[in-house]
Amino acid sequence: MRTCPYHGKPLRLHWKAGLAVFVALPLSACSMVSMPFSGKTETAAITTGSIAPAVLVHEPLPEALSYSDAARIGQTAGLAGLDEMPKDGIDWINEVTGSAGVVRPLSSPVAKDARTCRDIEATVTSIGGVHRYGGTLCEDARTGQMEIEATGSAS
């Protein structure tokens, strides 16, 4: 039996203290304590860019184009910006379906009714082959919502 280095008496752990530690330790991982140091109780949300913005995909879609691929094409083009999309295109990849390709602008951006739209062309390489699709990508100036409408297969 071990002895206490301070007074030489045998060490005895009380079962109540052991039980309290056994119960409190796992539960402490589920709690969150926040102490405001600056007098403010709320902080502004910070956008980190780790999640791509949602894109509204208009249906129906061409037969070989999945909803997920159309959304990823819109996200990629939207992140580049309608005004700043390079003429030679932007590579995109959908980790969910394994599809990849390039999205290219076909026209200059046109502003109409608080929306800016641009015609685009997307190449999709998937397990079903290589396809080209045309479409329109729009951004709502008030909400920032991106929308994509596939107008059909180019080949």
Protein backbone atom coordinates (compact mmCIF):
# COMPACT_ATOMS: atom_id res chain seq x y z
CA MET A 1 0.00 0.00 0.00
CA ARG A 2 1.28 3.46 -0.85
CA THR A 3 1.78 6.15 1.73
CA CYS A 4 1.27 9.87 1.56
CA PRO A 5 4.59 11.71 1.16
CA TYR A 6 3.41 14.55 3.43
CA HIS A 7 2.18 12.79 6.57
CA GLY A 8 3.17 9.12 6.05
CA LYS A 9 -0.35 7.74 6.40
CA PRO A 10 -1.65 5.15 3.91
CA LEU A 11 -3.36 6.56 0.80
CA ARG A 12 -7.02 5.71 0.44
CA LEU A 13 -9.10 6.93 -2.44
CA HIS A 14 -12.64 7.51 -1.48
CA TRP A 15 -15.11 5.69 -3.68
CA LYS A 16 -17.31 8.79 -3.89
CA ALA A 17 -14.48 10.87 -5.33
CA GLY A 18 -13.68 8.12 -7.84
CA LEU A 19 -17.31 7.89 -8.88
CA ALA A 20 -17.54 11.67 -9.32
CA VAL A 21 -14.46 11.70 -11.60
CA PHE A 22 -15.73 8.68 -13.51
CA VAL A 23 -19.07 10.40 -14.23
CA ALA A 24 -17.82 13.98 -14.71
CA LEU A 25 -14.93 13.29 -17.08
CA PRO A 26 -16.96 11.84 -20.00
CA LEU A 27 -19.69 14.45 -19.56
CA SER A 28 -17.24 17.33 -19.67
CA ALA A 29 -16.51 16.63 -23.33
CA CYS A 30 -20.13 17.46 -24.21
CA SER A 31 -20.21 20.81 -22.50
CA MET A 32 -19.08 24.19 -23.68
CA VAL A 33 -18.26 27.02 -21.35
CA SER A 34 -17.98 30.47 -22.85
CA MET A 35 -16.81 33.50 -20.95
CA PRO A 36 -17.10 36.89 -22.65
CA PHE A 37 -13.99 38.91 -21.85
CA SER A 38 -14.87 42.05 -23.77
CA GLY A 39 -18.39 42.80 -22.58
CA LYS A 40 -19.81 41.69 -25.92
CA THR A 41 -22.00 38.64 -25.72
CA GLU A 42 -22.38 38.08 -29.46
CA THR A 43 -19.74 37.78 -32.13
CA ALA A 44 -20.24 38.24 -35.84
CA ALA A 45 -20.24 35.16 -38.04
CA ILE A 46 -17.03 34.60 -39.94
CA THR A 47 -17.18 33.06 -43.39
CA THR A 48 -14.21 30.77 -43.87
CA GLY A 49 -14.96 29.54 -47.36
CA SER A 50 -14.74 25.92 -46.32
CA ILE A 51 -18.23 25.18 -47.62
CA ALA A 52 -19.13 26.06 -51.18
CA PRO A 53 -22.24 28.22 -51.56
CA ALA A 54 -25.48 26.54 -52.50
CA VAL A 55 -26.54 26.70 -56.13
CA LEU A 56 -30.14 26.47 -57.24
CA VAL A 57 -30.31 23.93 -60.08
CA HIS A 58 -33.29 24.26 -62.40
CA GLU A 59 -34.76 21.02 -63.65
CA PRO A 60 -35.28 19.13 -65.90
CA LEU A 61 -31.65 18.32 -66.60
CA PRO A 62 -30.28 16.57 -69.67
CA GLU A 63 -30.46 12.79 -69.27
CA ALA A 64 -26.76 12.11 -68.65
CA LEU A 65 -26.15 15.12 -66.35
CA SER A 66 -26.62 14.45 -62.65
CA TYR A 67 -28.04 17.05 -60.28
CA SER A 68 -24.88 16.84 -58.19
CA ASP A 69 -22.64 17.53 -61.22
CA ALA A 70 -24.78 20.50 -62.30
CA ALA A 71 -24.58 21.94 -58.78
CA ARG A 72 -20.79 21.49 -58.69
CA ILE A 73 -20.42 23.21 -62.08
CA GLY A 74 -22.47 26.14 -60.77
CA GLN A 75 -20.47 26.31 -57.53
CA THR A 76 -17.15 26.33 -59.35
CA ALA A 77 -18.23 29.01 -61.81
CA GLY A 78 -19.85 31.02 -59.02
CA LEU A 79 -16.71 30.97 -56.88
CA ALA A 80 -14.71 32.29 -59.83
CA GLY A 81 -17.27 35.05 -60.30
CA LEU A 82 -19.43 35.77 -63.32
CA ASP A 83 -17.30 38.79 -64.27
CA GLU A 84 -13.93 37.16 -63.69
CA MET A 85 -14.37 33.74 -65.28
CA PRO A 86 -11.35 33.09 -67.55
CA LYS A 87 -12.08 32.50 -71.24
CA ASP A 88 -10.17 29.22 -71.28
CA GLY A 89 -12.37 27.91 -68.47
CA ILE A 90 -12.11 26.57 -64.95
CA ASP A 91 -11.55 22.95 -63.98
CA TRP A 92 -14.17 21.39 -61.72
CA ILE A 93 -14.47 18.03 -59.99
CA ASN A 94 -17.30 16.34 -58.15
CA GLU A 95 -15.88 14.07 -55.46
CA VAL A 96 -19.29 12.45 -54.93
CA THR A 97 -19.81 11.16 -58.48
CA GLY A 98 -16.19 11.11 -59.67
CA SER A 99 -17.08 13.35 -62.60
CA ALA A 100 -14.81 16.18 -63.69
CA GLY A 101 -14.48 18.68 -66.50
CA VAL A 102 -14.13 22.30 -67.51
CA VAL A 103 -16.68 25.10 -67.40
CA ARG A 104 -16.18 27.96 -69.91
CA PRO A 105 -17.98 31.24 -70.48
CA LEU A 106 -19.76 31.61 -73.83
CA SER A 107 -20.92 35.20 -73.45
CA SER A 108 -20.28 38.34 -71.45
CA PRO A 109 -22.30 38.84 -68.25
CA VAL A 110 -25.64 40.58 -68.80
CA ALA A 111 -27.45 42.38 -65.96
CA LYS A 112 -31.26 42.32 -66.04
CA ASP A 113 -33.85 42.69 -63.26
CA ALA A 114 -31.35 42.51 -60.33
CA ARG A 115 -29.78 39.38 -61.83
CA THR A 116 -26.54 38.98 -63.73
CA CYS A 117 -26.50 36.05 -66.16
CA ARG A 118 -23.92 34.48 -68.42
CA ASP A 119 -24.12 31.64 -70.92
CA ILE A 120 -21.69 28.84 -70.16
CA GLU A 121 -20.52 25.55 -71.62
CA ALA A 122 -19.43 22.62 -69.46
CA THR A 123 -17.51 19.52 -70.36
CA VAL A 124 -18.39 16.52 -68.18
CA THR A 125 -16.18 13.45 -68.08
CA SER A 126 -17.92 10.69 -66.14
CA ILE A 127 -18.31 6.94 -66.12
CA GLY A 128 -20.93 7.42 -68.85
CA GLY A 129 -18.43 9.09 -71.23
CA VAL A 130 -17.55 12.64 -72.21
CA HIS A 131 -20.41 15.09 -72.77
CA ARG A 132 -20.73 18.82 -73.40
CA TYR A 133 -23.60 20.84 -72.01
CA GLY A 134 -24.74 24.39 -72.53
CA GLY A 135 -26.46 26.44 -69.89
CA THR A 136 -27.03 29.74 -68.19
CA LEU A 137 -25.53 30.75 -64.86
CA CYS A 138 -27.17 33.63 -62.98
CA GLU A 139 -26.51 35.47 -59.74
CA ASP A 140 -29.18 37.40 -57.84
CA ALA A 141 -27.65 40.76 -56.87
CA ARG A 142 -29.85 41.09 -53.77
CA THR A 143 -29.30 37.66 -52.21
CA GLY A 144 -26.12 36.42 -53.89
CA GLN A 145 -27.95 33.18 -54.79
CA MET A 146 -26.43 31.40 -57.80
CA GLU A 147 -28.71 29.59 -60.23
CA ILE A 148 -27.83 27.28 -63.10
CA GLU A 149 -30.07 26.09 -65.89
CA ALA A 150 -28.78 23.45 -68.27
CA THR A 151 -30.19 24.12 -71.73
CA GLY A 152 -29.19 20.80 -73.23
CA SER A 153 -26.40 18.69 -74.54
CA ALA A 154 -24.01 20.29 -76.99
CA SER A 155 -22.78 16.87 -78.15
